[in-house]
Amino acid sequence: MLEQLQVKKFTVFHDEQFHFSKGLNVIVGENSAGKSHLLKLAYALIATSAQAGKKLNGTEPTKTYLQKAYGDKLTGVFRPESLGRLASRKQGRERCEVALVFDDASLNTHISFATNSKTDVQVDQPPARWEAQSPLYLPTRELLTIYPGFVSVYENHYLEFEETWRDTCIHLGALTLKGKRADATATLLEPLETALGGKVVLDNNGRFYLNIPGSGNMEMPLVAEGYRKLAMLARLISNGIIQAQGYLFWDEPEANLNPRLIRLAAQVIHALCLRGVQVFIATHSFFLLKELDLLSRQQAIAQRFIGLNRQPGDLSVSSQQVDSLASLSHLVALDEELAQYDRELSAGNPGASA
């Protein structure tokens, strides 16, 4: 379990220490407040360790290997022109520091790099062992329609796509579980397949389809985008990937979903937390926040809410970290919803004060 993420002079963060729960971690804030940056940073470092552990089975982590591996992953995930562009940019040279702290201290790591760094980081503290549990990153858009041939093209050509897309496509291509579904898998999958009206299948031609009883296979590009996003989630459940991961990072689960489907996504997120997956999401949706809050009241899970706020007249971001939604003192999604309600009242009563 990831307990802390410490960042100094990384993109919009001057000096922040983020504490996480073992269950659900929700990051909120305005655009450009650094929500996605937090998800990507934690994912990139954990994924580097997990992927190296599978590739270098039997060898221990070394600074020499990790200097390039961490640098390559950060560059692949964030897509800067050079690694040093991720350090906070002010006049003169700056040095960025990032540390991950886990419940298992053997996984702890600390890296740093400067604004003039090109590709490699300095590994100030390498993990003593590789991460055994892989992280999964779900971007804001669905990936089923770009899946055919994407991994092969990505690995053999320079593409301006985040490496998270490549990683997730690899997971999408994993074979589905054979035999009778486990109860836990069925509980997660059946509501999704009911909403979709069918099952997600990967054909021998390398394309995904929605198999609808009585109608056959429907090409995934013909499926509504919101349903394609749920279909991607269903695929990762049916092949066992999402349940096997120790960490799920999901950027804006609500994107392209109507409220009914947002509620369904919230149920899946809550269920994964109950099954021991540490979940991190970034969201603008107050509806999603309230659904998650209601689910936690019915069946409690460990929660952490992190509010990010840009400082007036500054490029840096400050944070508020609390254990309940009600404790967040500044929530843009709620503020704008209340402001809209006030405008509605004023529109209905022209004499009222704006």
Protein backbone atom coordinates (compact mmCIF):
# COMPACT_ATOMS: atom_id res chain seq x y z
CA MET A 1 0.00 0.00 0.00
CA LEU A 2 1.23 3.48 -0.86
CA GLU A 3 1.11 5.61 2.30
CA GLN A 4 2.78 8.85 1.25
CA LEU A 5 3.92 10.76 -1.81
CA GLN A 6 6.38 13.56 -1.09
CA VAL A 7 7.05 16.10 -3.84
CA LYS A 8 9.31 19.15 -3.95
CA LYS A 9 9.37 21.44 -6.96
CA PHE A 10 7.58 19.00 -9.24
CA THR A 11 5.46 20.79 -11.89
CA VAL A 12 2.94 22.88 -9.89
CA PHE A 13 3.89 21.49 -6.47
CA HIS A 14 6.41 23.47 -4.41
CA ASP A 15 6.67 21.30 -1.30
CA GLU A 16 3.80 18.94 -0.49
CA GLN A 17 3.44 15.66 1.38
CA PHE A 18 0.38 13.64 0.46
CA HIS A 19 -1.00 10.96 2.79
CA PHE A 20 -3.19 8.20 1.38
CA SER A 21 -5.70 5.72 2.76
CA LYS A 22 -5.51 2.01 2.03
CA GLY A 23 -8.89 2.20 0.28
CA LEU A 24 -10.26 5.13 -1.73
CA ASN A 25 -8.24 8.28 -2.46
CA VAL A 26 -10.04 11.11 -4.23
CA ILE A 27 -8.26 14.15 -5.68
CA VAL A 28 -10.32 17.23 -6.51
CA GLY A 29 -9.50 20.73 -7.68
CA GLU A 30 -9.78 23.14 -10.56
CA ASN A 31 -8.22 22.56 -13.96
CA SER A 32 -4.41 22.90 -13.92
CA ALA A 33 -4.28 22.25 -10.15
CA GLY A 34 -2.20 19.09 -10.68
CA LYS A 35 -4.74 16.29 -10.15
CA SER A 36 -3.63 14.20 -13.11
CA HIS A 37 0.02 14.96 -12.34
CA LEU A 38 -0.31 13.29 -8.94
CA LEU A 39 -1.92 10.19 -10.44
CA LYS A 40 0.66 9.92 -13.20
CA LEU A 41 3.64 10.50 -10.90
CA ALA A 42 2.68 7.78 -8.43
CA TYR A 43 1.71 5.43 -11.27
CA ALA A 44 4.95 5.96 -13.21
CA LEU A 45 7.22 5.13 -10.28
CA ILE A 46 5.22 2.12 -9.10
CA ALA A 47 4.85 0.80 -12.66
CA THR A 48 8.61 1.08 -13.22
CA SER A 49 9.26 -1.19 -10.26
CA ALA A 50 6.48 -3.66 -11.08
CA GLN A 51 7.45 -3.96 -14.75
CA ALA A 52 11.15 -4.38 -13.89
CA GLY A 53 10.28 -7.10 -11.39
CA LYS A 54 8.63 -9.15 -14.14
CA LYS A 55 11.42 -8.50 -16.62
CA LEU A 56 14.39 -8.88 -14.26
CA ASN A 57 13.11 -11.72 -12.10
CA GLY A 58 15.77 -12.80 -9.59
CA THR A 59 17.82 -9.61 -9.65
CA GLU A 60 17.63 -6.89 -7.01
CA PRO A 61 16.97 -3.22 -7.82
CA THR A 62 20.07 -1.17 -8.53
CA LYS A 63 20.58 2.58 -8.80
CA THR A 64 22.23 2.14 -12.18
CA TYR A 65 19.18 0.42 -13.67
CA LEU A 66 16.63 2.68 -12.01
CA GLN A 67 18.28 5.96 -13.06
CA LYS A 68 17.31 5.31 -16.65
CA ALA A 69 14.17 3.25 -15.98
CA TYR A 70 12.52 5.92 -13.80
CA GLY A 71 13.56 8.65 -16.23
CA ASP A 72 12.21 6.77 -19.24
CA LYS A 73 8.90 6.04 -17.55
CA LEU A 74 8.36 9.61 -16.35
CA THR A 75 9.16 10.90 -19.83
CA GLY A 76 6.89 8.31 -21.44
CA VAL A 77 3.96 9.03 -19.13
CA PHE A 78 4.18 12.86 -19.07
CA ARG A 79 5.63 13.39 -22.59
CA PRO A 80 7.84 16.44 -21.80
CA GLU A 81 10.55 17.46 -24.26
CA SER A 82 13.11 16.54 -21.62
CA LEU A 83 12.90 15.15 -18.09
CA GLY A 84 13.95 18.46 -16.54
CA ARG A 85 10.78 20.10 -17.87
CA LEU A 86 8.91 18.33 -15.07
CA ALA A 87 10.80 20.32 -12.43
CA SER A 88 9.12 23.54 -11.33
CA ARG A 89 10.36 26.22 -13.69
CA LYS A 90 11.54 29.46 -12.18
CA GLN A 91 14.46 31.71 -12.99
CA GLY A 92 17.66 29.82 -12.33
CA ARG A 93 18.22 26.12 -11.75
CA GLU A 94 15.77 24.12 -9.63
CA ARG A 95 15.94 20.57 -8.32
CA CYS A 96 12.90 18.33 -8.04
CA GLU A 97 12.60 15.61 -5.38
CA VAL A 98 10.05 12.81 -5.21
CA ALA A 99 9.68 10.12 -2.55
CA LEU A 100 7.26 7.22 -2.24
CA VAL A 101 6.60 5.75 1.22
CA PHE A 102 4.85 2.37 1.51
CA ASP A 103 3.54 0.32 4.41
CA ASP A 104 6.36 -2.06 3.46
CA ALA A 105 9.54 0.00 3.87
CA SER A 106 11.46 -2.25 1.46
CA LEU A 107 9.53 -0.57 -1.39
CA ASN A 108 10.36 3.00 -0.37
CA THR A 109 12.16 5.06 -2.98
CA HIS A 110 13.49 8.60 -3.37
CA ILE A 111 14.56 10.23 -6.63
CA SER A 112 15.60 13.69 -7.77
CA PHE A 113 16.46 15.56 -10.96
CA ALA A 114 17.18 19.13 -12.03
CA THR A 115 15.73 21.45 -14.64
CA ASN A 116 18.68 20.66 -16.92
CA SER A 117 18.25 16.88 -16.64
CA LYS A 118 17.76 15.23 -20.03
CA THR A 119 16.80 11.59 -19.49
CA ASP A 120 18.09 10.07 -16.24
CA VAL A 121 17.12 10.73 -12.62
CA GLN A 122 19.32 10.52 -9.56
CA VAL A 123 18.22 7.62 -7.37
CA ASP A 124 18.82 8.80 -3.81
CA GLN A 125 17.13 5.73 -2.30
CA PRO A 126 16.29 2.68 -4.43
CA PRO A 127 13.69 0.14 -3.28
CA ALA A 128 15.17 -2.95 -1.67
CA ARG A 129 12.91 -5.16 -3.80
CA TRP A 130 10.64 -4.90 -6.82
CA GLU A 131 6.93 -4.14 -6.44
CA ALA A 132 4.99 -7.41 -6.76
CA GLN A 133 1.60 -5.81 -7.44
CA SER A 134 1.18 -3.99 -10.73
CA PRO A 135 -0.65 -0.67 -10.99
CA LEU A 136 -3.40 -0.07 -13.55
CA TYR A 137 -4.03 3.37 -15.06
CA LEU A 138 -7.35 4.23 -16.70
CA PRO A 139 -7.19 7.48 -18.74
CA THR A 140 -10.11 9.82 -19.31
CA ARG A 141 -10.91 8.31 -22.73
CA GLU A 142 -11.69 4.74 -23.71
CA LEU A 143 -9.03 2.73 -25.53
CA LEU A 144 -10.96 -0.16 -27.08
CA THR A 145 -11.34 1.62 -30.44
CA ILE A 146 -7.61 2.33 -30.79
CA TYR A 147 -6.54 -1.09 -29.48
CA PRO A 148 -6.04 -2.93 -32.80
CA GLY A 149 -2.28 -2.84 -33.47
CA PHE A 150 -1.71 0.08 -31.08
CA VAL A 151 0.89 -1.59 -28.84
CA SER A 152 2.96 -2.78 -31.80
CA VAL A 153 2.87 0.63 -33.49
CA TYR A 154 3.65 2.42 -30.23
CA GLU A 155 6.70 0.30 -29.49
CA ASN A 156 8.13 0.63 -33.00
CA HIS A 157 7.35 4.26 -33.83
CA TYR A 158 7.46 7.61 -32.05
CA LEU A 159 3.90 8.58 -31.15
CA GLU A 160 2.72 11.57 -29.13
CA PHE A 161 0.56 9.42 -26.86
CA GLU A 162 1.07 8.91 -23.15
CA GLU A 163 2.68 5.61 -22.23
CA THR A 164 -0.26 4.92 -19.90
CA TRP A 165 -2.27 4.18 -23.06
CA ARG A 166 0.25 1.53 -24.14
CA ASP A 167 0.30 -0.03 -20.67
CA THR A 168 -3.49 -0.21 -20.45
CA CYS A 169 -3.81 -1.66 -23.96
CA ILE A 170 -1.44 -4.46 -22.93
CA HIS A 171 -3.77 -5.23 -20.02
CA LEU A 172 -6.82 -5.11 -22.31
CA GLY A 173 -5.25 -7.78 -24.49
CA ALA A 174 -4.84 -10.28 -21.65
CA LEU A 175 -6.88 -13.44 -22.09
CA THR A 176 -10.20 -13.70 -20.29
CA LEU A 177 -10.47 -15.99 -17.29
CA LYS A 178 -11.42 -19.57 -18.13
CA GLY A 179 -14.15 -21.54 -16.41
CA LYS A 180 -16.92 -20.43 -14.10
CA ARG A 181 -16.63 -16.88 -12.91
CA ALA A 182 -15.69 -16.37 -9.32
CA ASP A 183 -18.41 -14.78 -7.23
CA ALA A 184 -16.33 -11.62 -6.79
CA THR A 185 -15.84 -11.25 -10.55
CA ALA A 186 -19.52 -11.87 -11.28
CA THR A 187 -20.57 -9.28 -8.71
CA LEU A 188 -18.43 -6.65 -10.43
CA LEU A 189 -19.15 -7.67 -14.01
CA GLU A 190 -22.86 -8.46 -14.17
CA PRO A 191 -24.14 -4.90 -13.53
CA LEU A 192 -21.79 -3.59 -16.23
CA GLU A 193 -22.89 -6.19 -18.78
CA THR A 194 -26.53 -5.48 -17.95
CA ALA A 195 -25.99 -1.76 -18.61
CA LEU A 196 -24.11 -2.51 -21.84
CA GLY A 197 -26.68 -5.05 -23.01
CA GLY A 198 -24.02 -7.60 -23.85
CA LYS A 199 -20.50 -8.91 -23.31
CA VAL A 200 -17.20 -7.44 -24.49
CA VAL A 201 -15.26 -9.81 -26.76
CA LEU A 202 -11.86 -9.65 -28.44
CA ASP A 203 -12.03 -11.25 -31.88
CA ASN A 204 -9.21 -13.12 -33.61
CA ASN A 205 -8.77 -10.10 -35.86
CA GLY A 206 -7.55 -8.09 -32.87
CA ARG A 207 -10.67 -5.90 -32.60
CA PHE A 208 -13.09 -5.49 -29.73
CA TYR A 209 -16.84 -6.00 -30.17
CA LEU A 210 -19.92 -5.78 -28.00
CA ASN A 211 -21.66 -9.15 -28.30
CA ILE A 212 -25.40 -8.51 -27.96
CA PRO A 213 -27.65 -11.56 -27.50
CA GLY A 214 -29.82 -12.02 -30.58
CA SER A 215 -27.96 -9.36 -32.57
CA GLY A 216 -24.40 -10.65 -32.78
CA ASN A 217 -21.23 -8.57 -32.58
CA MET A 218 -21.37 -4.78 -32.82
CA GLU A 219 -18.14 -3.03 -33.81
CA MET A 220 -16.83 -1.03 -30.87
CA PRO A 221 -16.66 2.30 -32.82
CA LEU A 222 -20.45 2.00 -33.30
CA VAL A 223 -21.03 1.81 -29.54
CA ALA A 224 -21.70 5.09 -27.72
CA GLU A 225 -18.53 6.52 -26.18
CA GLY A 226 -19.80 6.38 -22.61
CA TYR A 227 -20.65 2.71 -23.05
CA ARG A 228 -17.22 2.08 -24.56
CA LYS A 229 -15.69 3.41 -21.37
CA LEU A 230 -17.76 0.97 -19.32
CA ALA A 231 -16.87 -1.76 -21.82
CA MET A 232 -13.17 -1.15 -21.18
CA LEU A 233 -13.83 -1.54 -17.46
CA ALA A 234 -15.82 -4.73 -18.08
CA ARG A 235 -12.99 -6.20 -20.16
CA LEU A 236 -10.42 -5.55 -17.43
CA ILE A 237 -12.71 -7.27 -14.92
CA SER A 238 -13.50 -10.26 -17.14
CA ASN A 239 -9.81 -11.00 -17.77
CA GLY A 240 -9.00 -10.65 -14.07
CA ILE A 241 -6.60 -7.73 -14.51
CA ILE A 242 -8.39 -5.15 -12.41
CA GLN A 243 -8.91 -7.47 -9.44
CA ALA A 244 -5.29 -8.63 -9.49
CA GLN A 245 -3.78 -5.16 -9.36
CA GLY A 246 -2.74 -3.64 -6.08
CA TYR A 247 -3.35 -0.11 -7.32
CA LEU A 248 -5.94 1.47 -9.61
CA PHE A 249 -5.40 5.01 -10.90
CA TRP A 250 -8.45 6.39 -12.72
CA ASP A 251 -8.50 9.88 -14.21
CA GLU A 252 -12.01 11.38 -14.34
CA PRO A 253 -14.16 8.24 -14.18
CA GLU A 254 -17.19 10.41 -14.91
CA ALA A 255 -16.00 11.59 -18.34
CA ASN A 256 -18.62 10.85 -21.06
CA LEU A 257 -20.89 9.04 -18.61
CA ASN A 258 -24.47 10.06 -17.78
CA PRO A 259 -25.49 10.15 -14.09
CA ARG A 260 -26.88 6.60 -14.15
CA LEU A 261 -23.60 5.24 -15.49
CA ILE A 262 -21.58 7.43 -13.11
CA ARG A 263 -23.47 5.78 -10.29
CA LEU A 264 -22.52 2.37 -11.69
CA ALA A 265 -18.85 3.41 -11.92
CA ALA A 266 -19.00 4.51 -8.28
CA GLN A 267 -20.33 1.09 -7.28
CA VAL A 268 -17.43 -0.64 -9.06
CA ILE A 269 -14.89 1.68 -7.41
CA HIS A 270 -16.38 1.02 -3.98
CA ALA A 271 -16.46 -2.74 -4.57
CA LEU A 272 -12.80 -2.77 -5.63
CA CYS A 273 -11.82 -0.95 -2.44
CA LEU A 274 -13.68 -3.59 -0.42
CA ARG A 275 -11.62 -6.24 -2.24
CA GLY A 276 -8.32 -4.70 -1.19
CA VAL A 277 -7.45 -2.61 -4.26
CA GLN A 278 -6.02 0.81 -3.38
CA VAL A 279 -7.89 3.22 -5.64
CA PHE A 280 -6.86 6.74 -6.67
CA ILE A 281 -9.23 8.91 -8.72
CA ALA A 282 -9.22 12.50 -9.92
CA THR A 283 -12.64 14.00 -10.55
CA HIS A 284 -14.63 17.16 -11.22
CA SER A 285 -17.99 15.49 -10.56
CA PHE A 286 -19.87 16.32 -7.38
CA PHE A 287 -22.39 13.63 -8.36
CA LEU A 288 -19.64 10.99 -8.31
CA LEU A 289 -18.31 12.30 -5.01
CA LYS A 290 -21.74 12.08 -3.40
CA GLU A 291 -22.33 8.56 -4.75
CA LEU A 292 -19.01 7.40 -3.30
CA ASP A 293 -19.85 9.10 -0.01
CA LEU A 294 -23.27 7.41 0.16
CA LEU A 295 -21.78 4.00 -0.61
CA SER A 296 -19.20 4.42 2.14
CA ARG A 297 -21.95 5.25 4.63
CA GLN A 298 -23.68 1.99 3.73
CA GLN A 299 -20.49 -0.09 3.87
CA ALA A 300 -17.50 1.73 5.29
CA ILE A 301 -14.16 1.85 3.51
CA ALA A 302 -11.01 3.80 4.32
CA GLN A 303 -11.13 7.14 2.50
CA ARG A 304 -8.91 10.14 1.85
CA PHE A 305 -9.97 13.34 0.09
CA ILE A 306 -7.30 15.67 -1.25
CA GLY A 307 -8.32 19.15 -2.37
CA LEU A 308 -5.83 21.04 -4.54
CA ASN A 309 -5.96 24.83 -4.77
CA ARG A 310 -3.93 27.23 -6.89
CA GLN A 311 -2.44 30.09 -4.91
CA PRO A 312 -3.54 33.58 -6.06
CA GLY A 313 -0.77 35.28 -8.01
CA ASP A 314 1.41 32.14 -7.87
CA LEU A 315 1.88 29.03 -9.98
CA SER A 316 2.17 26.70 -7.00
CA VAL A 317 -0.58 24.56 -5.46
CA SER A 318 -1.54 23.96 -1.85
CA SER A 319 -3.52 21.00 -0.54
CA GLN A 320 -6.15 20.16 2.03
CA GLN A 321 -6.21 16.51 3.09
CA VAL A 322 -9.16 15.15 5.04
CA ASP A 323 -10.87 11.82 5.73
CA SER A 324 -14.42 12.77 4.72
CA LEU A 325 -16.10 14.64 1.88
CA ALA A 326 -17.90 16.92 4.32
CA SER A 327 -14.57 18.12 5.74
CA LEU A 328 -13.38 19.61 2.44
CA SER A 329 -13.58 23.37 2.90
CA HIS A 330 -13.24 24.25 -0.79
CA LEU A 331 -14.92 22.14 -3.44
CA VAL A 332 -15.30 23.79 -6.83
CA ALA A 333 -17.86 21.26 -8.09
CA LEU A 334 -20.17 22.06 -5.16
CA ASP A 335 -19.51 25.81 -5.29
CA GLU A 336 -20.49 25.97 -8.96
CA GLU A 337 -23.59 23.80 -8.40
CA LEU A 338 -24.79 26.15 -5.64
CA ALA A 339 -23.97 29.20 -7.77
CA GLN A 340 -26.05 27.74 -10.61
CA TYR A 341 -28.95 27.21 -8.22
CA ASP A 342 -28.68 30.87 -7.15
CA ARG A 343 -28.73 31.97 -10.79
CA GLU A 344 -31.81 29.83 -11.38
CA LEU A 345 -33.58 31.48 -8.46
CA SER A 346 -32.62 34.90 -9.75
CA ALA A 347 -33.84 34.05 -13.26
CA GLY A 348 -37.18 32.96 -11.82
CA ASN A 349 -37.41 36.19 -9.78
CA PRO A 350 -36.01 39.10 -11.83
CA GLY A 351 -36.19 41.35 -8.81
CA ALA A 352 -33.88 39.16 -6.76
CA SER A 353 -30.28 40.14 -6.25
CA ALA A 354 -27.83 38.35 -8.56
